[in-house]
Amino acid sequence: KFEHDASLLRAEKQHQVDELKRLEAAKDKQISDLSGELQLREEATSALEAEVSELQQQLGAHVDSNARDDQLLKEQSASVKEEMLGACMWVAESAGHLAGLMGDL
């Protein structure tokens, strides 16, 4: 009977050892899976950060371009105003000369 009980205890102990090994293997697999998932997330985060950086650079370039375009438009507008003022002055001078000529007639 003693050997039978000892045999049952050994079998139970072996069962517990096997169960512990199975649980440890499951834990190791879960850690491995989570590590893989973490790696994928880190890579995705890195890719998104690179994309955000690229978009920020593009936005900065567009802002700079728009600022240059605005400045150019202001300069062109000022130039057109100067030309119009010059043309108006020429018309006024010409009208004055014309009036003088008409008066001489």
N, C-alpha and C. Protein backbone atom coordinates (compact mmCIF):
# COMPACT_ATOMS: atom_id res chain seq x y z
N LYS A 1 0.82 -1.19 0.00
CA LYS A 1 0.00 0.00 0.00
C LYS A 1 0.86 1.25 0.00
N PHE A 2 1.97 1.22 0.75
CA PHE A 2 2.87 2.36 0.81
C PHE A 2 3.43 2.69 -0.58
N GLU A 3 3.84 1.64 -1.31
CA GLU A 3 4.36 1.87 -2.65
C GLU A 3 3.27 2.40 -3.58
N HIS A 4 2.08 1.91 -3.40
CA HIS A 4 0.96 2.40 -4.21
C HIS A 4 0.72 3.89 -3.94
N ASP A 5 0.72 4.27 -2.68
CA ASP A 5 0.54 5.69 -2.31
C ASP A 5 1.69 6.52 -2.85
N ALA A 6 2.92 6.00 -2.72
CA ALA A 6 4.10 6.71 -3.22
C ALA A 6 4.00 6.86 -4.73
N SER A 7 3.55 5.82 -5.40
CA SER A 7 3.38 5.87 -6.85
C SER A 7 2.34 6.91 -7.24
N LEU A 8 1.24 6.95 -6.50
CA LEU A 8 0.21 7.97 -6.76
C LEU A 8 0.75 9.38 -6.53
N LEU A 9 1.55 9.56 -5.47
CA LEU A 9 2.14 10.88 -5.19
C LEU A 9 3.12 11.29 -6.28
N ARG A 10 3.94 10.31 -6.74
CA ARG A 10 4.88 10.61 -7.83
C ARG A 10 4.12 10.99 -9.10
N ALA A 11 3.05 10.26 -9.39
CA ALA A 11 2.25 10.57 -10.58
C ALA A 11 1.62 11.96 -10.45
N GLU A 12 1.11 12.28 -9.28
CA GLU A 12 0.51 13.59 -9.05
C GLU A 12 1.57 14.69 -9.16
N LYS A 13 2.75 14.41 -8.59
CA LYS A 13 3.85 15.38 -8.67
C LYS A 13 4.27 15.57 -10.12
N GLN A 14 4.38 14.48 -10.87
CA GLN A 14 4.75 14.57 -12.29
C GLN A 14 3.69 15.35 -13.06
N HIS A 15 2.43 15.11 -12.74
CA HIS A 15 1.33 15.85 -13.38
C HIS A 15 1.47 17.35 -13.09
N GLN A 16 1.79 17.69 -11.84
CA GLN A 16 1.95 19.10 -11.47
C GLN A 16 3.16 19.71 -12.18
N VAL A 17 4.26 18.94 -12.28
CA VAL A 17 5.45 19.42 -12.99
C VAL A 17 5.11 19.64 -14.47
N ASP A 18 4.42 18.69 -15.07
CA ASP A 18 4.02 18.82 -16.48
C ASP A 18 3.13 20.04 -16.68
N GLU A 19 2.18 20.25 -15.76
CA GLU A 19 1.28 21.40 -15.84
C GLU A 19 2.06 22.70 -15.69
N LEU A 20 3.00 22.73 -14.78
CA LEU A 20 3.85 23.90 -14.58
C LEU A 20 4.66 24.20 -15.84
N LYS A 21 5.22 23.16 -16.46
CA LYS A 21 5.97 23.34 -17.71
C LYS A 21 5.07 23.87 -18.82
N ARG A 22 3.84 23.32 -18.89
CA ARG A 22 2.89 23.78 -19.92
C ARG A 22 2.56 25.26 -19.69
N LEU A 23 2.31 25.63 -18.44
CA LEU A 23 1.99 27.02 -18.13
C LEU A 23 3.18 27.95 -18.43
N GLU A 24 4.38 27.45 -18.12
CA GLU A 24 5.58 28.26 -18.40
C GLU A 24 5.76 28.43 -19.90
N ALA A 25 5.53 27.37 -20.67
CA ALA A 25 5.64 27.46 -22.13
C ALA A 25 4.59 28.43 -22.68
N ALA A 26 3.38 28.37 -22.14
CA ALA A 26 2.32 29.28 -22.57
C ALA A 26 2.70 30.72 -22.24
N LYS A 27 3.27 30.92 -21.06
CA LYS A 27 3.70 32.26 -20.65
C LYS A 27 4.80 32.77 -21.59
N ASP A 28 5.77 31.90 -21.91
CA ASP A 28 6.86 32.29 -22.82
C ASP A 28 6.32 32.64 -24.21
N LYS A 29 5.34 31.87 -24.68
CA LYS A 29 4.75 32.16 -25.99
C LYS A 29 4.02 33.49 -25.95
N GLN A 30 3.29 33.75 -24.87
CA GLN A 30 2.56 35.01 -24.74
C GLN A 30 3.54 36.20 -24.70
N ILE A 31 4.65 36.02 -23.98
CA ILE A 31 5.67 37.08 -23.93
C ILE A 31 6.24 37.31 -25.32
N SER A 32 6.51 36.23 -26.04
CA SER A 32 7.04 36.33 -27.39
C SER A 32 6.05 37.04 -28.31
N ASP A 33 4.77 36.64 -28.22
CA ASP A 33 3.74 37.28 -29.04
C ASP A 33 3.63 38.77 -28.73
N LEU A 34 3.64 39.11 -27.43
CA LEU A 34 3.53 40.51 -27.03
C LEU A 34 4.76 41.31 -27.47
N SER A 35 5.92 40.67 -27.41
CA SER A 35 7.15 41.34 -27.87
C SER A 35 7.06 41.63 -29.36
N GLY A 36 6.55 40.65 -30.12
CA GLY A 36 6.37 40.85 -31.56
C GLY A 36 5.38 41.96 -31.84
N GLU A 37 4.29 41.99 -31.10
CA GLU A 37 3.28 43.03 -31.29
C GLU A 37 3.85 44.40 -30.93
N LEU A 38 4.62 44.45 -29.85
CA LEU A 38 5.26 45.70 -29.44
C LEU A 38 6.21 46.19 -30.53
N GLN A 39 6.97 45.28 -31.10
CA GLN A 39 7.90 45.64 -32.18
C GLN A 39 7.13 46.22 -33.37
N LEU A 40 6.02 45.57 -33.74
CA LEU A 40 5.21 46.07 -34.85
C LEU A 40 4.66 47.46 -34.55
N ARG A 41 4.21 47.65 -33.32
CA ARG A 41 3.67 48.96 -32.94
C ARG A 41 4.76 50.02 -32.95
N GLU A 42 5.94 49.67 -32.50
CA GLU A 42 7.05 50.62 -32.52
C GLU A 42 7.40 51.00 -33.96
N GLU A 43 7.40 50.02 -34.85
CA GLU A 43 7.69 50.29 -36.26
C GLU A 43 6.60 51.17 -36.86
N ALA A 44 5.33 50.89 -36.54
CA ALA A 44 4.23 51.71 -37.05
C ALA A 44 4.33 53.12 -36.50
N THR A 45 4.66 53.25 -35.23
CA THR A 45 4.81 54.57 -34.62
C THR A 45 5.94 55.34 -35.30
N SER A 46 7.03 54.66 -35.55
CA SER A 46 8.17 55.30 -36.21
C SER A 46 7.78 55.76 -37.62
N ALA A 47 7.05 54.92 -38.34
CA ALA A 47 6.61 55.28 -39.69
C ALA A 47 5.67 56.49 -39.64
N LEU A 48 4.77 56.50 -38.66
CA LEU A 48 3.85 57.63 -38.53
C LEU A 48 4.59 58.91 -38.16
N GLU A 49 5.58 58.79 -37.29
CA GLU A 49 6.37 59.97 -36.93
C GLU A 49 7.10 60.51 -38.15
N ALA A 50 7.63 59.64 -38.98
CA ALA A 50 8.32 60.07 -40.20
C ALA A 50 7.33 60.76 -41.14
N GLU A 51 6.14 60.20 -41.25
CA GLU A 51 5.11 60.80 -42.12
C GLU A 51 4.68 62.17 -41.59
N VAL A 52 4.52 62.28 -40.28
CA VAL A 52 4.16 63.57 -39.67
C VAL A 52 5.26 64.59 -39.94
N SER A 53 6.50 64.17 -39.79
CA SER A 53 7.63 65.07 -40.04
C SER A 53 7.63 65.56 -41.49
N GLU A 54 7.39 64.64 -42.41
CA GLU A 54 7.34 64.99 -43.84
C GLU A 54 6.20 65.97 -44.11
N LEU A 55 5.04 65.71 -43.51
CA LEU A 55 3.89 66.61 -43.71
C LEU A 55 4.16 67.98 -43.10
N GLN A 56 4.85 68.02 -41.97
CA GLN A 56 5.20 69.31 -41.36
C GLN A 56 6.15 70.08 -42.27
N GLN A 57 7.09 69.38 -42.88
CA GLN A 57 8.02 70.04 -43.81
C GLN A 57 7.27 70.57 -45.02
N GLN A 58 6.33 69.76 -45.54
CA GLN A 58 5.55 70.21 -46.70
C GLN A 58 4.71 71.42 -46.33
N LEU A 59 4.10 71.38 -45.15
CA LEU A 59 3.29 72.50 -44.70
C LEU A 59 4.15 73.75 -44.56
N GLY A 60 5.33 73.58 -43.97
CA GLY A 60 6.25 74.72 -43.83
C GLY A 60 6.62 75.30 -45.19
N ALA A 61 6.86 74.42 -46.16
CA ALA A 61 7.20 74.89 -47.52
C ALA A 61 6.03 75.65 -48.13
N HIS A 62 4.80 75.14 -47.92
CA HIS A 62 3.62 75.83 -48.45
C HIS A 62 3.43 77.19 -47.78
N VAL A 63 3.64 77.24 -46.48
CA VAL A 63 3.51 78.51 -45.75
C VAL A 63 4.54 79.50 -46.28
N ASP A 64 5.78 79.05 -46.45
CA ASP A 64 6.82 79.92 -46.98
C ASP A 64 6.48 80.39 -48.38
N SER A 65 5.99 79.47 -49.22
CA SER A 65 5.62 79.81 -50.59
C SER A 65 4.48 80.83 -50.60
N ASN A 66 3.48 80.61 -49.74
CA ASN A 66 2.36 81.55 -49.67
C ASN A 66 2.82 82.92 -49.21
N ALA A 67 3.75 82.96 -48.26
CA ALA A 67 4.28 84.23 -47.77
C ALA A 67 5.02 84.95 -48.90
N ARG A 68 5.81 84.20 -49.67
CA ARG A 68 6.52 84.80 -50.82
C ARG A 68 5.53 85.31 -51.86
N ASP A 69 4.49 84.50 -52.13
CA ASP A 69 3.47 84.92 -53.09
C ASP A 69 2.76 86.19 -52.63
N ASP A 70 2.42 86.26 -51.33
CA ASP A 70 1.78 87.45 -50.79
C ASP A 70 2.67 88.68 -50.93
N GLN A 71 3.96 88.50 -50.62
CA GLN A 71 4.90 89.62 -50.74
C GLN A 71 5.02 90.06 -52.19
N LEU A 72 5.10 89.10 -53.10
CA LEU A 72 5.19 89.43 -54.53
C LEU A 72 3.95 90.18 -55.00
N LEU A 73 2.76 89.72 -54.55
CA LEU A 73 1.53 90.40 -54.92
C LEU A 73 1.50 91.84 -54.38
N LYS A 74 1.96 92.03 -53.16
CA LYS A 74 2.02 93.38 -52.59
C LYS A 74 2.95 94.27 -53.42
N GLU A 75 4.10 93.72 -53.78
CA GLU A 75 5.06 94.48 -54.58
C GLU A 75 4.49 94.81 -55.95
N GLN A 76 3.83 93.83 -56.57
CA GLN A 76 3.23 94.06 -57.89
C GLN A 76 2.10 95.08 -57.79
N SER A 77 1.31 94.98 -56.73
CA SER A 77 0.21 95.93 -56.53
C SER A 77 0.76 97.34 -56.38
N ALA A 78 1.82 97.49 -55.60
CA ALA A 78 2.44 98.81 -55.43
C ALA A 78 2.97 99.32 -56.76
N SER A 79 3.58 98.43 -57.54
CA SER A 79 4.12 98.81 -58.84
C SER A 79 3.01 99.26 -59.78
N VAL A 80 1.90 98.51 -59.79
CA VAL A 80 0.77 98.88 -60.65
C VAL A 80 0.19 100.22 -60.22
N LYS A 81 0.10 100.45 -58.93
CA LYS A 81 -0.42 101.73 -58.43
C LYS A 81 0.49 102.88 -58.88
N GLU A 82 1.80 102.67 -58.80
CA GLU A 82 2.75 103.69 -59.24
C GLU A 82 2.59 103.96 -60.74
N GLU A 83 2.44 102.88 -61.52
CA GLU A 83 2.27 103.05 -62.98
C GLU A 83 0.98 103.79 -63.29
N MET A 84 -0.09 103.45 -62.56
CA MET A 84 -1.38 104.12 -62.80
C MET A 84 -1.29 105.59 -62.42
N LEU A 85 -0.61 105.87 -61.32
CA LEU A 85 -0.44 107.25 -60.89
C LEU A 85 0.36 108.02 -61.94
N GLY A 86 1.43 107.38 -62.45
CA GLY A 86 2.23 108.01 -63.50
C GLY A 86 1.40 108.26 -64.75
N ALA A 87 0.55 107.28 -65.11
CA ALA A 87 -0.29 107.43 -66.31
C ALA A 87 -1.30 108.55 -66.10
N CYS A 88 -1.88 108.62 -64.91
CA CYS A 88 -2.85 109.68 -64.62
C CYS A 88 -2.18 111.05 -64.69
N MET A 89 -0.95 111.13 -64.16
CA MET A 89 -0.23 112.41 -64.21
C MET A 89 0.08 112.80 -65.66
N TRP A 90 0.44 111.80 -66.48
CA TRP A 90 0.73 112.07 -67.89
C TRP A 90 -0.52 112.56 -68.59
N VAL A 91 -1.67 111.90 -68.30
CA VAL A 91 -2.94 112.32 -68.91
C VAL A 91 -3.26 113.75 -68.48
N ALA A 92 -3.04 114.06 -67.19
CA ALA A 92 -3.33 115.41 -66.71
C ALA A 92 -2.41 116.43 -67.37
N GLU A 93 -1.13 116.09 -67.48
CA GLU A 93 -0.20 117.02 -68.15
C GLU A 93 -0.58 117.19 -69.61
N SER A 94 -0.92 116.07 -70.26
CA SER A 94 -1.31 116.14 -71.68
C SER A 94 -2.56 116.97 -71.85
N ALA A 95 -3.52 116.80 -70.93
CA ALA A 95 -4.74 117.59 -71.02
C ALA A 95 -4.43 119.06 -70.83
N GLY A 96 -3.49 119.34 -69.93
CA GLY A 96 -3.07 120.74 -69.71
C GLY A 96 -2.43 121.31 -70.96
N HIS A 97 -1.55 120.56 -71.59
CA HIS A 97 -0.92 121.03 -72.83
C HIS A 97 -1.95 121.21 -73.93
N LEU A 98 -2.86 120.24 -74.01
CA LEU A 98 -3.91 120.30 -75.02
C LEU A 98 -4.79 121.54 -74.80
N ALA A 99 -5.11 121.81 -73.56
CA ALA A 99 -5.93 123.00 -73.25
C ALA A 99 -5.15 124.26 -73.62
N GLY A 100 -3.84 124.21 -73.38
CA GLY A 100 -3.02 125.38 -73.75
C GLY A 100 -3.00 125.57 -75.24
N LEU A 101 -2.89 124.49 -75.99
CA LEU A 101 -2.89 124.58 -77.44
C LEU A 101 -4.23 125.07 -77.96
N MET A 102 -5.30 124.57 -77.33
CA MET A 102 -6.65 124.97 -77.75
C MET A 102 -6.84 126.47 -77.49
N GLY A 103 -6.26 126.91 -76.38
CA GLY A 103 -6.36 128.32 -76.05
C GLY A 103 -5.62 129.18 -77.03
N ASP A 104 -4.51 128.67 -77.57
CA ASP A 104 -3.72 129.41 -78.53
C ASP A 104 -4.43 129.51 -79.86
N LEU A 105 -5.31 128.60 -80.12
CA LEU A 105 -6.02 128.63 -81.38
C LEU A 105 -7.08 129.65 -81.30
